[in-house]
C-alpha atoms as a PDB file:
ATOM      1  CA  MET A   1     -30.118   3.219  25.008  1.00  0.00           C
ATOM      2  CA  GLU A   2     -26.881   4.723  23.687  1.00  0.00           C
ATOM      3  CA  ALA A   3     -24.729   2.566  21.406  1.00  0.00           C
ATOM      4  CA  LYS A   4     -21.360   1.538  22.784  1.00  0.00           C
ATOM      5  CA  ILE A   5     -18.377   3.243  21.145  1.00  0.00           C
ATOM      6  CA  LEU A   6     -15.033   1.438  21.270  1.00  0.00           C
ATOM      7  CA  ARG A   7     -12.039   3.693  21.886  1.00  0.00           C
ATOM      8  CA  THR A   8      -9.534   2.125  19.515  1.00  0.00           C
ATOM      9  CA  ILE A   9      -5.909   2.316  18.457  1.00  0.00           C
ATOM     10  CA  VAL A  10      -4.572   1.053  15.130  1.00  0.00           C
ATOM     11  CA  VAL A  11      -1.135  -0.560  15.022  1.00  0.00           C
ATOM     12  CA  ASP A  12       0.519  -1.282  11.660  1.00  0.00           C
ATOM     13  CA  ASP A  13       3.944  -0.472  10.270  1.00  0.00           C
ATOM     14  CA  HIS A  14       2.504   0.928   7.009  1.00  0.00           C
ATOM     15  CA  ALA A  15       0.975   4.419   7.262  1.00  0.00           C
ATOM     16  CA  LEU A  16      -1.313   3.981   4.250  1.00  0.00           C
ATOM     17  CA  ILE A  17      -2.753   0.754   5.665  1.00  0.00           C
ATOM     18  CA  ARG A  18      -3.315   2.455   9.043  1.00  0.00           C
ATOM     19  CA  LYS A  19      -5.160   5.275   7.289  1.00  0.00           C
ATOM     20  CA  ASN A  20      -7.419   2.816   5.441  1.00  0.00           C
ATOM     21  CA  ILE A  21      -8.130   0.842   8.624  1.00  0.00           C
ATOM     22  CA  VAL A  22      -9.065   4.076  10.431  1.00  0.00           C
ATOM     23  CA  LEU A  23     -11.536   4.914   7.646  1.00  0.00           C
ATOM     24  CA  LEU A  24     -13.065   1.418   7.756  1.00  0.00           C
ATOM     25  CA  LEU A  25     -13.333   1.496  11.544  1.00  0.00           C
ATOM     26  CA  GLU A  26     -14.981   4.903  11.639  1.00  0.00           C
ATOM     27  CA  ARG A  27     -17.529   3.799   9.015  1.00  0.00           C
ATOM     28  CA  THR A  28     -18.829   1.169  11.443  1.00  0.00           C
ATOM     29  CA  GLY A  29     -20.270   3.901  13.654  1.00  0.00           C
ATOM     30  CA  HIS A  30     -19.099   2.022  16.760  1.00  0.00           C
ATOM     31  CA  VAL A  31     -15.459   3.110  16.892  1.00  0.00           C
ATOM     32  CA  THR A  32     -13.521   6.229  17.714  1.00  0.00           C
ATOM     33  CA  VAL A  33      -9.850   5.933  16.776  1.00  0.00           C
ATOM     34  CA  VAL A  34      -7.880   7.595  19.568  1.00  0.00           C
ATOM     35  CA  GLY A  35      -4.357   6.739  18.459  1.00  0.00           C
ATOM     36  CA  GLN A  36      -2.038   5.048  15.988  1.00  0.00           C
ATOM     37  CA  ALA A  37       1.339   3.332  16.249  1.00  0.00           C
ATOM     38  CA  ASP A  38       3.744   1.803  13.750  1.00  0.00           C
ATOM     39  CA  ASN A  39       5.089  -1.015  15.940  1.00  0.00           C
ATOM     40  CA  GLY A  40       4.322  -2.963  19.094  1.00  0.00           C
ATOM     41  CA  GLN A  41       6.689  -0.974  21.340  1.00  0.00           C
ATOM     42  CA  ALA A  42       5.040   2.318  20.406  1.00  0.00           C
ATOM     43  CA  ALA A  43       1.626   0.675  20.803  1.00  0.00           C
ATOM     44  CA  LEU A  44       2.441  -0.488  24.328  1.00  0.00           C
ATOM     45  CA  ALA A  45       3.276   3.073  25.395  1.00  0.00           C
ATOM     46  CA  LEU A  46       0.128   4.366  23.695  1.00  0.00           C
ATOM     47  CA  ILE A  47      -2.035   1.740  25.394  1.00  0.00           C
ATOM     48  CA  LYS A  48      -0.674   2.713  28.804  1.00  0.00           C
ATOM     49  CA  GLU A  49      -1.335   6.388  28.078  1.00  0.00           C
ATOM     50  CA  LEU A  50      -4.741   6.216  26.359  1.00  0.00           C
ATOM     51  CA  GLN A  51      -6.248   3.034  27.879  1.00  0.00           C
ATOM     52  CA  PRO A  52      -8.289   2.136  24.772  1.00  0.00           C
ATOM     53  CA  ASP A  53     -10.986  -0.550  24.635  1.00  0.00           C
ATOM     54  CA  LEU A  54      -9.629  -2.156  21.457  1.00  0.00           C
ATOM     55  CA  ALA A  55      -6.407  -2.375  19.484  1.00  0.00           C
ATOM     56  CA  VAL A  56      -6.371  -3.461  15.838  1.00  0.00           C
ATOM     57  CA  VAL A  57      -2.867  -4.888  15.494  1.00  0.00           C
ATOM     58  CA  ASP A  58      -0.829  -6.180  12.551  1.00  0.00           C
ATOM     59  CA  VAL A  59       0.803  -9.519  13.297  1.00  0.00           C
ATOM     60  CA  LEU A  60       4.101  -8.814  11.513  1.00  0.00           C
ATOM     61  CA  MET A  61       5.875  -5.554  12.420  1.00  0.00           C
ATOM     62  CA  PRO A  62       9.415  -4.477  13.274  1.00  0.00           C
ATOM     63  CA  HIS A  63      10.587  -3.972  16.872  1.00  0.00           C
ATOM     64  CA  MET A  64       7.677  -5.884  18.447  1.00  0.00           C
ATOM     65  CA  ASP A  65       5.172  -7.973  16.493  1.00  0.00           C
ATOM     66  CA  GLY A  66       1.505  -8.472  17.335  1.00  0.00           C
ATOM     67  CA  PHE A  67       2.045 -11.705  19.260  1.00  0.00           C
ATOM     68  CA  ALA A  68       4.821 -10.156  21.366  1.00  0.00           C
ATOM     69  CA  LEU A  69       2.530  -7.197  22.076  1.00  0.00           C
ATOM     70  CA  LEU A  70      -0.194  -9.584  23.271  1.00  0.00           C
ATOM     71  CA  ARG A  71       2.311 -11.266  25.615  1.00  0.00           C
ATOM     72  CA  GLN A  72       3.413  -7.881  27.002  1.00  0.00           C
ATOM     73  CA  LEU A  73      -0.190  -6.824  27.588  1.00  0.00           C
ATOM     74  CA  LYS A  74      -0.813 -10.032  29.503  1.00  0.00           C
ATOM     75  CA  GLN A  75       2.426  -9.778  31.532  1.00  0.00           C
ATOM     76  CA  GLN A  76       1.665  -6.171  32.471  1.00  0.00           C
ATOM     77  CA  SER A  77      -2.015  -6.919  33.213  1.00  0.00           C
ATOM     78  CA  LEU A  78      -3.173  -4.352  30.670  1.00  0.00           C
ATOM     79  CA  ARG A  79      -6.746  -5.185  29.765  1.00  0.00           C
ATOM     80  CA  LEU A  80      -8.041  -4.432  26.335  1.00  0.00           C
ATOM     81  CA  ARG A  81      -9.310  -6.405  23.397  1.00  0.00           C
ATOM     82  CA  VAL A  82      -6.943  -7.079  20.499  1.00  0.00           C
ATOM     83  CA  LEU A  83      -8.062  -7.796  16.945  1.00  0.00           C
ATOM     84  CA  LEU A  84      -5.147  -9.169  14.934  1.00  0.00           C
ATOM     85  CA  ILE A  85      -4.749  -8.552  11.213  1.00  0.00           C
ATOM     86  CA  SER A  86      -2.249  -9.869   8.682  1.00  0.00           C
ATOM     87  CA  VAL A  87      -1.604  -9.954   4.984  1.00  0.00           C
ATOM     88  CA  PHE A  88      -1.108 -13.708   5.505  1.00  0.00           C
ATOM     89  CA  ALA A  89      -4.332 -15.682   5.997  1.00  0.00           C
ATOM     90  CA  HIS A  90      -2.668 -18.630   7.718  1.00  0.00           C
ATOM     91  CA  ASP A  91      -4.573 -20.892  10.085  1.00  0.00           C
ATOM     92  CA  VAL A  92      -1.439 -20.801  12.238  1.00  0.00           C
ATOM     93  CA  PHE A  93      -1.808 -17.027  12.768  1.00  0.00           C
ATOM     94  CA  ARG A  94      -5.502 -17.417  13.596  1.00  0.00           C
ATOM     95  CA  GLN A  95      -4.763 -20.269  15.978  1.00  0.00           C
ATOM     96  CA  GLN A  96      -1.781 -18.509  17.569  1.00  0.00           C
ATOM     97  CA  GLY A  97      -3.913 -15.403  18.052  1.00  0.00           C
ATOM     98  CA  GLN A  98      -6.556 -17.445  19.857  1.00  0.00           C
ATOM     99  CA  LEU A  99      -3.920 -19.022  22.096  1.00  0.00           C
ATOM    100  CA  ALA A 100      -2.389 -15.606  22.860  1.00  0.00           C
ATOM    101  CA  GLY A 101      -5.714 -14.078  23.913  1.00  0.00           C
ATOM    102  CA  ALA A 102      -6.764 -12.050  20.862  1.00  0.00           C
ATOM    103  CA  VAL A 103     -10.504 -11.528  20.343  1.00  0.00           C
ATOM    104  CA  GLY A 104     -10.186 -11.977  16.605  1.00  0.00           C
ATOM    105  CA  PHE A 105      -8.136 -12.335  13.455  1.00  0.00           C
ATOM    106  CA  ILE A 106      -8.859 -11.009   9.964  1.00  0.00           C
ATOM    107  CA  PRO A 107      -6.655 -11.224   6.862  1.00  0.00           C
ATOM    108  CA  LYS A 108      -6.022  -7.716   5.528  1.00  0.00           C
ATOM    109  CA  GLN A 109      -7.494  -8.723   2.167  1.00  0.00           C
ATOM    110  CA  GLN A 110     -10.846  -9.266   3.941  1.00  0.00           C
ATOM    111  CA  LEU A 111     -10.893  -6.123   6.123  1.00  0.00           C
ATOM    112  CA  SER A 112     -13.293  -4.092   3.981  1.00  0.00           C
ATOM    113  CA  ARG A 113     -15.731  -7.010   3.935  1.00  0.00           C
ATOM    114  CA  LEU A 114     -15.384  -8.308   7.514  1.00  0.00           C
ATOM    115  CA  LEU A 115     -14.269  -5.484   9.827  1.00  0.00           C
ATOM    116  CA  SER A 116     -17.797  -4.291  10.586  1.00  0.00           C
ATOM    117  CA  GLN A 117     -18.848  -7.871  11.452  1.00  0.00           C
ATOM    118  CA  ALA A 118     -15.825  -8.235  13.712  1.00  0.00           C
ATOM    119  CA  ILE A 119     -16.614  -4.965  15.538  1.00  0.00           C
ATOM    120  CA  ASN A 120     -20.212  -6.096  16.077  1.00  0.00           C
ATOM    121  CA  ALA A 121     -19.013  -9.437  17.451  1.00  0.00           C
ATOM    122  CA  ILE A 122     -16.538  -7.697  19.783  1.00  0.00           C
ATOM    123  CA  LEU A 123     -19.257  -5.316  21.000  1.00  0.00           C
ATOM    124  CA  ASN A 124     -21.317  -8.390  21.891  1.00  0.00           C
ATOM    125  CA  ASP A 125     -18.378 -10.069  23.692  1.00  0.00           C
ATOM    126  CA  ARG A 126     -17.958 -12.684  20.979  1.00  0.00           C
ATOM    127  CA  PRO A 127     -14.706 -13.592  19.249  1.00  0.00           C
ATOM    128  CA  PHE A 128     -14.339 -13.143  15.487  1.00  0.00           C
ATOM    129  CA  PHE A 129     -11.720 -15.305  13.783  1.00  0.00           C
ATOM    130  CA  TYR A 130     -11.484 -15.606  10.017  1.00  0.00           C
ATOM    131  CA  PRO A 131     -11.126 -17.989   8.414  1.00  0.00           C
ATOM    132  CA  PRO A 132     -13.326 -19.942  10.807  1.00  0.00           C
ATOM    133  CA  ALA A 133     -11.651 -22.845  12.541  1.00  0.00           C
ATOM    134  CA  THR A 134     -11.441 -25.953  10.445  1.00  0.00           C
ATOM    135  CA  ILE A 135     -10.588 -29.396  11.686  1.00  0.00           C
ATOM    136  CA  GLU A 136      -7.439 -28.757  13.696  1.00  0.00           C
ATOM    137  CA  SER A 137      -4.584 -30.781  12.390  1.00  0.00           C
ATOM    138  CA  PRO A 138      -2.057 -32.232  14.822  1.00  0.00           C
ATOM    139  CA  ALA A 139       0.684 -30.499  12.815  1.00  0.00           C
ATOM    140  CA  LEU A 140      -0.861 -27.057  13.386  1.00  0.00           C
ATOM    141  CA  LYS A 141      -1.244 -27.746  17.100  1.00  0.00           C
ATOM    142  CA  LEU A 142       2.412 -28.802  17.346  1.00  0.00           C
ATOM    143  CA  LEU A 143       3.528 -25.737  15.402  1.00  0.00           C
ATOM    144  CA  ALA A 144       1.547 -23.435  17.702  1.00  0.00           C
ATOM    145  CA  GLN A 145       2.943 -25.179  20.780  1.00  0.00           C
ATOM    146  CA  ALA A 146       6.498 -24.944  19.435  1.00  0.00           C
ATOM    147  CA  HIS A 147       5.979 -21.230  18.822  1.00  0.00           C
ATOM    148  CA  ASN A 148       4.833 -20.786  22.437  1.00  0.00           C
ATOM    149  CA  TYR A 149       7.779 -22.737  23.820  1.00  0.00           C
ATOM    150  CA  SER A 150      10.355 -20.857  21.762  1.00  0.00           C
ATOM    151  CA  GLU A 151       8.913 -17.507  22.905  1.00  0.00           C
ATOM    152  CA  ASN A 152       9.032 -18.557  26.552  1.00  0.00           C
ATOM    153  CA  ASP A 153      12.745 -19.331  26.191  1.00  0.00           C
ATOM    154  CA  GLU A 154      13.554 -15.753  25.094  1.00  0.00           C
END
């Protein structure tokens, strides 16, 4: 049986980080990087054109961040899996990513250690969120809900 290869795009506003992510992804043996973008708006156009299986997306970018991109994908019924990454390892980002429909979240500092595990989980239709969920505090839930409400008002 042939191994599944994920057609993937990498979305980050820093070219050097994109290059490193591409190298890490290709080392997994399960990914072909078919495109790159430096913001969510460019990624949306690329997704429509290339129809990848997976997008590895930075949370914080100019023009359109990772969460806004997830909302646009949902609104436009574009189906692909999104793995969020961020230099900030906040539970709020992990939780917000789960609420927005991402299949995973990895802090950038952990990419070299965890990206292969995340790809394997995604290939097996399992989510991969790091750090793993801890006891959810009411404050984090309220913050995530407030973030959703403020975005819906835009």
